[in-house]
Amino acid sequence: MRKAMLFVAVFGCVSLVWAADPFVGTWKLNVAKSKFTNTTFKSFTMTTEAQGNDIKWVQDMVVAGGTAIHRSAAGKYDGKDYPVVGDPSVDTFSIVKTNPNTVKYTFKKSGKEVDSGEAVVSKDGKTCTDTGGGKDANGQAFTYTLFTEKQ
């Protein structure tokens, strides 16, 4: 299994928050509207919440082949690295909000970038499109477009 796709959804659309942040809430992946070059998700749910000046996200996903991943993290929109728990493929993430509905994020393993992308929440706040890519543990390049819907 290629764990590279696991980074994607991680920050993908739903990892960003401030009190009135459009990213706050629970998001589910619409597999039929999403595209992956190497690994597909059977399911993906992400919940984000504001915690003071920090954001916290929790992701539960099942990838093709049936492997379940439960990972979480907390941090700020300041571009600094923060720890990710529960996923051996990544150990930190960073995120920057470029406008109220858009964030850019990076996932790293042992200080080396493995995945990066941009997540955009629609103006009506009902959907989020996350596009990005990177390289998996075997050095294989991958790309993705994740389409999530707010629950």
C-alpha atoms as a PDB file:
ATOM      1  CA  MET A   1       0.000   0.000   0.000  1.00  0.00           C
ATOM      2  CA  ARG A   2       1.225   3.428  -0.758  1.00  0.00           C
ATOM      3  CA  LYS A   3       0.812   5.661   2.213  1.00  0.00           C
ATOM      4  CA  ALA A   4       1.480   8.782   0.231  1.00  0.00           C
ATOM      5  CA  MET A   5      -2.181   9.429  -0.411  1.00  0.00           C
ATOM      6  CA  LEU A   6      -2.786   9.479   3.294  1.00  0.00           C
ATOM      7  CA  PHE A   7      -1.161  12.865   3.618  1.00  0.00           C
ATOM      8  CA  VAL A   8      -3.460  14.318   1.140  1.00  0.00           C
ATOM      9  CA  ALA A   9      -6.718  14.165   2.788  1.00  0.00           C
ATOM     10  CA  VAL A  10      -5.076  14.953   5.964  1.00  0.00           C
ATOM     11  CA  PHE A  11      -4.788  18.502   5.511  1.00  0.00           C
ATOM     12  CA  GLY A  12      -6.584  18.561   2.475  1.00  0.00           C
ATOM     13  CA  CYS A  13      -9.645  20.497   2.947  1.00  0.00           C
ATOM     14  CA  VAL A  14     -10.318  20.293   6.493  1.00  0.00           C
ATOM     15  CA  SER A  15      -7.481  21.128   8.652  1.00  0.00           C
ATOM     16  CA  LEU A  16      -7.788  24.783   9.109  1.00  0.00           C
ATOM     17  CA  VAL A  17      -9.645  26.711  11.701  1.00  0.00           C
ATOM     18  CA  TRP A  18     -10.369  29.870  13.601  1.00  0.00           C
ATOM     19  CA  ALA A  19     -13.697  30.483  15.269  1.00  0.00           C
ATOM     20  CA  ALA A  20     -15.604  31.554  12.127  1.00  0.00           C
ATOM     21  CA  ASP A  21     -13.346  29.553   9.833  1.00  0.00           C
ATOM     22  CA  PRO A  22     -15.138  27.836   6.925  1.00  0.00           C
ATOM     23  CA  PHE A  23     -12.898  24.780   7.411  1.00  0.00           C
ATOM     24  CA  VAL A  24     -14.249  24.041  10.899  1.00  0.00           C
ATOM     25  CA  GLY A  25     -16.624  21.094  11.003  1.00  0.00           C
ATOM     26  CA  THR A  26     -16.878  17.519   9.782  1.00  0.00           C
ATOM     27  CA  TRP A  27     -16.069  16.724   6.154  1.00  0.00           C
ATOM     28  CA  LYS A  28     -16.572  13.517   4.177  1.00  0.00           C
ATOM     29  CA  LEU A  29     -14.825  12.527   0.983  1.00  0.00           C
ATOM     30  CA  ASN A  30     -16.952  12.080  -2.130  1.00  0.00           C
ATOM     31  CA  VAL A  31     -14.922   9.265  -3.715  1.00  0.00           C
ATOM     32  CA  ALA A  32     -16.755   9.460  -7.048  1.00  0.00           C
ATOM     33  CA  LYS A  33     -15.769  13.130  -7.517  1.00  0.00           C
ATOM     34  CA  SER A  34     -12.158  12.656  -6.343  1.00  0.00           C
ATOM     35  CA  LYS A  35      -9.116  11.631  -8.410  1.00  0.00           C
ATOM     36  CA  PHE A  36      -5.944   9.803  -7.327  1.00  0.00           C
ATOM     37  CA  THR A  37      -2.932   8.679  -9.339  1.00  0.00           C
ATOM     38  CA  ASN A  38      -1.809   5.802  -7.119  1.00  0.00           C
ATOM     39  CA  THR A  39      -3.981   5.033  -4.071  1.00  0.00           C
ATOM     40  CA  THR A  40      -7.692   5.433  -3.581  1.00  0.00           C
ATOM     41  CA  PHE A  41      -9.728   5.925  -0.461  1.00  0.00           C
ATOM     42  CA  LYS A  42     -12.666   3.732   0.436  1.00  0.00           C
ATOM     43  CA  SER A  43     -13.660   6.349   3.002  1.00  0.00           C
ATOM     44  CA  PHE A  44     -12.300   9.506   4.595  1.00  0.00           C
ATOM     45  CA  THR A  45     -13.763  11.729   7.306  1.00  0.00           C
ATOM     46  CA  MET A  46     -12.047  14.738   8.823  1.00  0.00           C
ATOM     47  CA  THR A  47     -13.174  16.825  11.771  1.00  0.00           C
ATOM     48  CA  THR A  48     -11.583  20.183  12.538  1.00  0.00           C
ATOM     49  CA  GLU A  49     -12.146  22.498  15.460  1.00  0.00           C
ATOM     50  CA  ALA A  50     -10.767  25.729  16.835  1.00  0.00           C
ATOM     51  CA  GLN A  51      -8.879  25.512  20.121  1.00  0.00           C
ATOM     52  CA  GLY A  52      -8.061  29.055  21.153  1.00  0.00           C
ATOM     53  CA  ASN A  53      -5.554  30.308  18.577  1.00  0.00           C
ATOM     54  CA  ASP A  54      -4.828  26.761  17.425  1.00  0.00           C
ATOM     55  CA  ILE A  55      -6.520  24.356  15.063  1.00  0.00           C
ATOM     56  CA  LYS A  56      -7.042  20.677  15.708  1.00  0.00           C
ATOM     57  CA  TRP A  57      -7.918  18.020  13.161  1.00  0.00           C
ATOM     58  CA  VAL A  58      -8.705  14.324  13.355  1.00  0.00           C
ATOM     59  CA  GLN A  59      -8.868  12.083  10.300  1.00  0.00           C
ATOM     60  CA  ASP A  60     -10.288   8.610   9.947  1.00  0.00           C
ATOM     61  CA  MET A  61      -9.687   6.932   6.622  1.00  0.00           C
ATOM     62  CA  VAL A  62      -9.705   3.548   4.952  1.00  0.00           C
ATOM     63  CA  VAL A  63      -7.578   3.103   1.847  1.00  0.00           C
ATOM     64  CA  ALA A  64      -7.946   0.561  -0.953  1.00  0.00           C
ATOM     65  CA  GLY A  65      -6.961  -2.788   0.506  1.00  0.00           C
ATOM     66  CA  GLY A  66      -8.783  -2.042   3.746  1.00  0.00           C
ATOM     67  CA  THR A  67      -6.032  -0.413   5.833  1.00  0.00           C
ATOM     68  CA  ALA A  68      -7.536   1.980   8.403  1.00  0.00           C
ATOM     69  CA  ILE A  69      -5.659   5.080   9.548  1.00  0.00           C
ATOM     70  CA  HIS A  70      -6.586   7.353  12.466  1.00  0.00           C
ATOM     71  CA  ARG A  71      -4.380  10.420  12.681  1.00  0.00           C
ATOM     72  CA  SER A  72      -4.516  13.790  14.354  1.00  0.00           C
ATOM     73  CA  ALA A  73      -2.647  17.032  14.852  1.00  0.00           C
ATOM     74  CA  ALA A  74      -2.921  20.544  16.235  1.00  0.00           C
ATOM     75  CA  GLY A  75      -1.123  23.712  15.235  1.00  0.00           C
ATOM     76  CA  LYS A  76      -1.374  27.260  13.948  1.00  0.00           C
ATOM     77  CA  TYR A  77      -1.663  28.891  10.495  1.00  0.00           C
ATOM     78  CA  ASP A  78       1.910  30.147  10.795  1.00  0.00           C
ATOM     79  CA  GLY A  79       3.848  27.884   8.401  1.00  0.00           C
ATOM     80  CA  LYS A  80       5.755  26.191  11.245  1.00  0.00           C
ATOM     81  CA  ASP A  81       5.984  22.414  11.592  1.00  0.00           C
ATOM     82  CA  TYR A  82       3.679  20.673  14.095  1.00  0.00           C
ATOM     83  CA  PRO A  83       3.604  16.955  14.997  1.00  0.00           C
ATOM     84  CA  VAL A  84       1.196  14.488  13.378  1.00  0.00           C
ATOM     85  CA  VAL A  85       0.162  11.455  15.467  1.00  0.00           C
ATOM     86  CA  GLY A  86      -1.047   8.104  14.138  1.00  0.00           C
ATOM     87  CA  ASP A  87       0.477   7.943  10.646  1.00  0.00           C
ATOM     88  CA  PRO A  88       3.953   6.415  10.195  1.00  0.00           C
ATOM     89  CA  SER A  89       4.220   8.011   6.734  1.00  0.00           C
ATOM     90  CA  VAL A  90       4.393  11.588   8.061  1.00  0.00           C
ATOM     91  CA  ASP A  91       5.532  13.155  11.296  1.00  0.00           C
ATOM     92  CA  THR A  92       4.850  16.890  10.825  1.00  0.00           C
ATOM     93  CA  PHE A  93       2.593  19.300   8.953  1.00  0.00           C
ATOM     94  CA  SER A  94       2.597  23.046   8.366  1.00  0.00           C
ATOM     95  CA  ILE A  95      -0.186  25.267   7.100  1.00  0.00           C
ATOM     96  CA  VAL A  96      -0.722  28.858   5.981  1.00  0.00           C
ATOM     97  CA  LYS A  97      -4.046  30.513   5.239  1.00  0.00           C
ATOM     98  CA  THR A  98      -3.705  32.569   2.053  1.00  0.00           C
ATOM     99  CA  ASN A  99      -7.268  33.945   2.203  1.00  0.00           C
ATOM    100  CA  PRO A 100     -10.364  33.120   4.298  1.00  0.00           C
ATOM    101  CA  ASN A 101     -11.290  30.096   2.140  1.00  0.00           C
ATOM    102  CA  THR A 102      -7.843  28.831   1.053  1.00  0.00           C
ATOM    103  CA  VAL A 103      -4.920  27.151   2.785  1.00  0.00           C
ATOM    104  CA  LYS A 104      -1.594  25.790   1.602  1.00  0.00           C
ATOM    105  CA  TYR A 105      -0.115  22.864   3.526  1.00  0.00           C
ATOM    106  CA  THR A 106       2.965  20.637   3.621  1.00  0.00           C
ATOM    107  CA  PHE A 107       3.546  17.220   5.195  1.00  0.00           C
ATOM    108  CA  LYS A 108       7.027  16.020   6.090  1.00  0.00           C
ATOM    109  CA  LYS A 109       8.741  12.850   7.237  1.00  0.00           C
ATOM    110  CA  SER A 110      12.076  13.260   9.054  1.00  0.00           C
ATOM    111  CA  GLY A 111      12.264  16.870   7.853  1.00  0.00           C
ATOM    112  CA  LYS A 112      11.789  15.992   4.177  1.00  0.00           C
ATOM    113  CA  GLU A 113       8.691  17.164   2.285  1.00  0.00           C
ATOM    114  CA  VAL A 114       6.524  14.249   1.128  1.00  0.00           C
ATOM    115  CA  ASP A 115       3.265  15.981   0.204  1.00  0.00           C
ATOM    116  CA  SER A 116       1.949  19.481  -0.329  1.00  0.00           C
ATOM    117  CA  GLY A 117      -1.167  21.057  -1.685  1.00  0.00           C
ATOM    118  CA  GLU A 118      -3.888  23.647  -1.505  1.00  0.00           C
ATOM    119  CA  ALA A 119      -7.407  23.310  -0.102  1.00  0.00           C
ATOM    120  CA  VAL A 120     -10.224  25.677  -1.068  1.00  0.00           C
ATOM    121  CA  VAL A 121     -13.658  25.832   0.575  1.00  0.00           C
ATOM    122  CA  SER A 122     -16.443  26.911  -1.769  1.00  0.00           C
ATOM    123  CA  LYS A 123     -18.079  30.298  -1.215  1.00  0.00           C
ATOM    124  CA  ASP A 124     -21.246  28.602   0.065  1.00  0.00           C
ATOM    125  CA  GLY A 125     -19.152  26.602   2.579  1.00  0.00           C
ATOM    126  CA  LYS A 126     -20.599  23.238   1.529  1.00  0.00           C
ATOM    127  CA  THR A 127     -17.658  21.709  -0.362  1.00  0.00           C
ATOM    128  CA  CYS A 128     -13.891  21.739  -0.334  1.00  0.00           C
ATOM    129  CA  THR A 129     -11.489  20.877  -3.154  1.00  0.00           C
ATOM    130  CA  ASP A 130      -7.964  19.844  -2.220  1.00  0.00           C
ATOM    131  CA  THR A 131      -5.318  19.498  -4.940  1.00  0.00           C
ATOM    132  CA  GLY A 132      -1.737  18.443  -4.448  1.00  0.00           C
ATOM    133  CA  GLY A 133       0.873  15.755  -4.712  1.00  0.00           C
ATOM    134  CA  GLY A 134       4.269  14.530  -3.691  1.00  0.00           C
ATOM    135  CA  LYS A 135       6.301  11.340  -3.569  1.00  0.00           C
ATOM    136  CA  ASP A 136       5.548   8.155  -1.670  1.00  0.00           C
ATOM    137  CA  ALA A 137       8.032   6.129   0.407  1.00  0.00           C
ATOM    138  CA  ASN A 138       9.257   4.428  -2.800  1.00  0.00           C
ATOM    139  CA  GLY A 139       9.918   7.731  -4.567  1.00  0.00           C
ATOM    140  CA  GLN A 140       6.875   7.362  -6.822  1.00  0.00           C
ATOM    141  CA  ALA A 141       5.251  10.669  -7.713  1.00  0.00           C
ATOM    142  CA  PHE A 142       1.531  11.041  -7.053  1.00  0.00           C
ATOM    143  CA  THR A 143      -1.156  13.675  -7.529  1.00  0.00           C
ATOM    144  CA  TYR A 144      -4.681  14.008  -6.208  1.00  0.00           C
ATOM    145  CA  THR A 145      -7.837  16.057  -6.241  1.00  0.00           C
ATOM    146  CA  LEU A 146      -9.987  15.385  -3.185  1.00  0.00           C
ATOM    147  CA  PHE A 147     -13.575  16.571  -3.119  1.00  0.00           C
ATOM    148  CA  THR A 148     -15.123  16.708   0.364  1.00  0.00           C
ATOM    149  CA  GLU A 149     -18.580  17.731   1.527  1.00  0.00           C
ATOM    150  CA  LYS A 150     -19.445  19.387   4.823  1.00  0.00           C
ATOM    151  CA  GLN A 151     -21.695  17.266   7.026  1.00  0.00           C
END
